[in-house]
Amino acid sequence: MCGYWGDPDKTAQSIDLARWMHTGDLAAMDEDGYCRIVGRLKDMVIRDGKIIFQGEIEEVWIHHPGIEAVQVIGVPDVIHDEELCAWVKPKASFCATAEEIQAFCHGQIASYKIPRYIRFVHGFPMTMTGKVKKFVMREEMMKELRFSDNTAP
């Protein structure tokens, strides 16, 4: 791609001097040279200097027998920069505590990747095209945790 038609600012933001287009997708290349998309740059949390991909956590949690759907976000934290928060949509017959779900993760992911905050929900805020609005979830959690953009670390 040479650029965005009639939009030099957008072109400059997304295409570097070597003509690489930066989409925000994260990819991994295997030993045979094949690439696979592993996430989005926006879908990562930095906690104590460690990069955590939300999709990795969601992949573990979705295998819990009582979870229908899960979305993981990062929320500001004064100690760790960001803390993990999971919004869990349980299956209809599910009855468990946040602690039981957190215990399910031990031995499957590193302990620092286990979300500190868990919110049980009936659904997620969605766009018209069916994508989850994680920014809305983050804003709601910041209000609940009494953070604002001005008090976030």
Protein backbone atom coordinates (compact mmCIF):
# COMPACT_ATOMS: atom_id res chain seq x y z
CA MET A 1 0.00 0.00 0.00
CA CYS A 2 1.33 3.42 -0.92
CA GLY A 3 -0.87 5.34 1.47
CA TYR A 4 -4.33 6.54 2.35
CA TRP A 5 -6.01 8.38 -0.51
CA GLY A 6 -5.91 12.10 0.19
CA ASP A 7 -4.83 11.64 3.82
CA PRO A 8 -1.08 12.22 4.27
CA ASP A 9 -1.39 12.44 8.08
CA LYS A 10 -2.99 8.97 8.34
CA THR A 11 -0.38 7.64 5.89
CA ALA A 12 2.46 9.04 8.03
CA GLN A 13 0.94 7.48 11.16
CA SER A 14 0.67 3.99 9.72
CA ILE A 15 3.45 3.60 7.12
CA ASP A 16 7.08 3.98 8.15
CA LEU A 17 10.02 5.20 6.04
CA ALA A 18 10.88 1.63 4.98
CA ARG A 19 7.30 1.36 3.60
CA TRP A 20 6.11 -1.07 6.29
CA MET A 21 2.48 -0.64 7.25
CA HIS A 22 1.80 -0.77 10.98
CA THR A 23 -1.67 -2.20 11.56
CA GLY A 24 -1.56 -2.80 15.31
CA ASP A 25 -1.67 -6.58 14.82
CA LEU A 26 0.89 -8.72 16.61
CA ALA A 27 2.27 -11.68 14.71
CA ALA A 28 4.57 -14.60 15.43
CA MET A 29 6.65 -16.35 12.79
CA ASP A 30 7.36 -20.07 13.08
CA GLU A 31 10.54 -21.88 12.04
CA ASP A 32 9.10 -22.49 8.54
CA GLY A 33 8.52 -18.76 7.96
CA TYR A 34 4.74 -18.84 8.41
CA CYS A 35 3.16 -15.97 10.32
CA ARG A 36 0.09 -16.10 12.48
CA ILE A 37 -1.72 -13.22 14.14
CA VAL A 38 -1.48 -13.62 17.91
CA GLY A 39 -3.19 -10.47 19.08
CA ARG A 40 -3.43 -6.71 18.89
CA LEU A 41 -0.97 -4.19 20.25
CA LYS A 42 -3.87 -2.55 22.12
CA ASP A 43 -4.76 -5.90 23.71
CA MET A 44 -1.83 -6.12 26.03
CA VAL A 45 -1.28 -5.07 29.61
CA ILE A 46 2.01 -4.00 31.13
CA ARG A 47 2.20 -5.10 34.76
CA ASP A 48 5.44 -4.52 36.68
CA GLY A 49 7.25 -4.16 33.36
CA LYS A 50 5.99 -7.51 32.07
CA ILE A 51 3.91 -7.64 28.90
CA ILE A 52 0.75 -9.71 29.30
CA PHE A 53 -1.47 -10.53 26.35
CA GLN A 54 -5.13 -10.58 27.30
CA GLY A 55 -5.92 -13.23 24.68
CA GLU A 56 -3.61 -15.71 26.39
CA ILE A 57 -5.57 -15.41 29.62
CA GLU A 58 -8.93 -15.52 27.86
CA GLU A 59 -7.85 -18.74 26.11
CA VAL A 60 -7.27 -20.44 29.49
CA TRP A 61 -10.42 -19.11 31.14
CA ILE A 62 -12.75 -20.09 28.32
CA HIS A 63 -11.95 -23.74 29.09
CA HIS A 64 -13.41 -23.43 32.58
CA PRO A 65 -16.59 -25.55 32.60
CA GLY A 66 -18.72 -22.73 34.01
CA ILE A 67 -17.62 -19.89 31.75
CA GLU A 68 -19.51 -19.08 28.57
CA ALA A 69 -17.40 -16.03 27.60
CA VAL A 70 -14.65 -13.90 29.09
CA GLN A 71 -12.92 -10.62 28.28
CA VAL A 72 -9.75 -9.44 30.01
CA ILE A 73 -8.72 -5.80 30.29
CA GLY A 74 -6.06 -3.78 32.05
CA VAL A 75 -6.96 -1.17 34.64
CA PRO A 76 -4.65 1.40 36.26
CA ASP A 77 -2.90 0.41 39.46
CA VAL A 78 -0.68 2.65 41.60
CA ILE A 79 1.68 -0.22 42.49
CA HIS A 80 1.85 -2.38 39.35
CA ASP A 81 1.11 0.29 36.65
CA GLU A 82 -1.75 -1.90 35.41
CA GLU A 83 -3.75 -4.69 36.99
CA LEU A 84 -5.76 -7.38 35.21
CA CYS A 85 -9.54 -7.48 35.29
CA ALA A 86 -11.74 -10.22 33.83
CA TRP A 87 -15.36 -9.79 32.87
CA VAL A 88 -16.89 -13.24 33.03
CA LYS A 89 -20.17 -14.26 31.43
CA PRO A 90 -21.02 -17.50 33.27
CA LYS A 91 -23.00 -20.37 31.85
CA ALA A 92 -26.65 -20.38 32.96
CA SER A 93 -26.21 -23.11 35.60
CA PHE A 94 -22.88 -21.80 36.89
CA CYS A 95 -22.44 -20.99 40.55
CA ALA A 96 -18.85 -20.31 41.65
CA THR A 97 -16.84 -17.57 43.26
CA ALA A 98 -14.12 -15.41 41.78
CA GLU A 99 -11.62 -17.22 43.99
CA GLU A 100 -12.62 -20.61 42.54
CA ILE A 101 -12.11 -19.31 39.01
CA GLN A 102 -8.73 -17.84 39.95
CA ALA A 103 -7.71 -21.18 41.49
CA PHE A 104 -8.61 -22.89 38.20
CA CYS A 105 -5.77 -20.94 36.56
CA HIS A 106 -2.99 -22.08 38.88
CA GLY A 107 -0.60 -24.31 36.99
CA GLN A 108 -1.99 -23.16 33.62
CA ILE A 109 -0.68 -19.60 33.53
CA ALA A 110 1.84 -17.68 35.61
CA SER A 111 0.39 -16.32 38.84
CA TYR A 112 1.02 -12.69 37.80
CA LYS A 113 -1.29 -13.31 34.81
CA ILE A 114 -4.27 -14.28 36.95
CA PRO A 115 -6.69 -11.33 37.00
CA ARG A 116 -7.02 -9.60 40.35
CA TYR A 117 -10.48 -8.22 39.62
CA ILE A 118 -13.36 -10.37 38.40
CA ARG A 119 -16.75 -9.05 37.43
CA PHE A 120 -19.63 -11.39 36.59
CA VAL A 121 -21.74 -9.99 33.75
CA HIS A 122 -24.66 -10.96 31.53
CA GLY A 123 -22.92 -9.60 28.44
CA PHE A 124 -20.29 -7.20 27.11
CA PRO A 125 -20.64 -3.73 25.59
CA MET A 126 -20.54 -4.27 21.82
CA THR A 127 -20.14 -2.20 18.67
CA MET A 128 -22.69 -2.33 15.85
CA THR A 129 -20.40 -4.82 14.07
CA GLY A 130 -20.24 -7.18 17.05
CA LYS A 131 -16.82 -6.29 18.49
CA VAL A 132 -16.35 -5.97 22.25
CA LYS A 133 -15.83 -2.38 23.43
CA LYS A 134 -12.97 -2.99 25.85
CA PHE A 135 -12.47 0.75 26.29
CA VAL A 136 -16.00 0.99 27.74
CA MET A 137 -15.26 -1.89 30.10
CA ARG A 138 -12.06 -0.16 31.21
CA GLU A 139 -13.90 3.13 31.82
CA GLU A 140 -16.55 1.35 33.91
CA MET A 141 -13.92 -0.44 35.98
CA MET A 142 -11.98 2.78 36.51
CA LYS A 143 -15.15 4.39 37.90
CA GLU A 144 -15.82 1.35 40.07
CA LEU A 145 -12.23 1.38 41.37
CA ARG A 146 -12.40 5.18 41.72
CA PHE A 147 -9.74 5.99 39.13
CA SER A 148 -10.06 8.72 36.57
CA ASP A 149 -7.79 9.62 33.68
CA ASN A 150 -6.24 12.24 35.97
CA THR A 151 -5.52 9.84 38.86
CA ALA A 152 -4.38 6.87 36.80
CA PRO A 153 -0.65 6.19 37.07
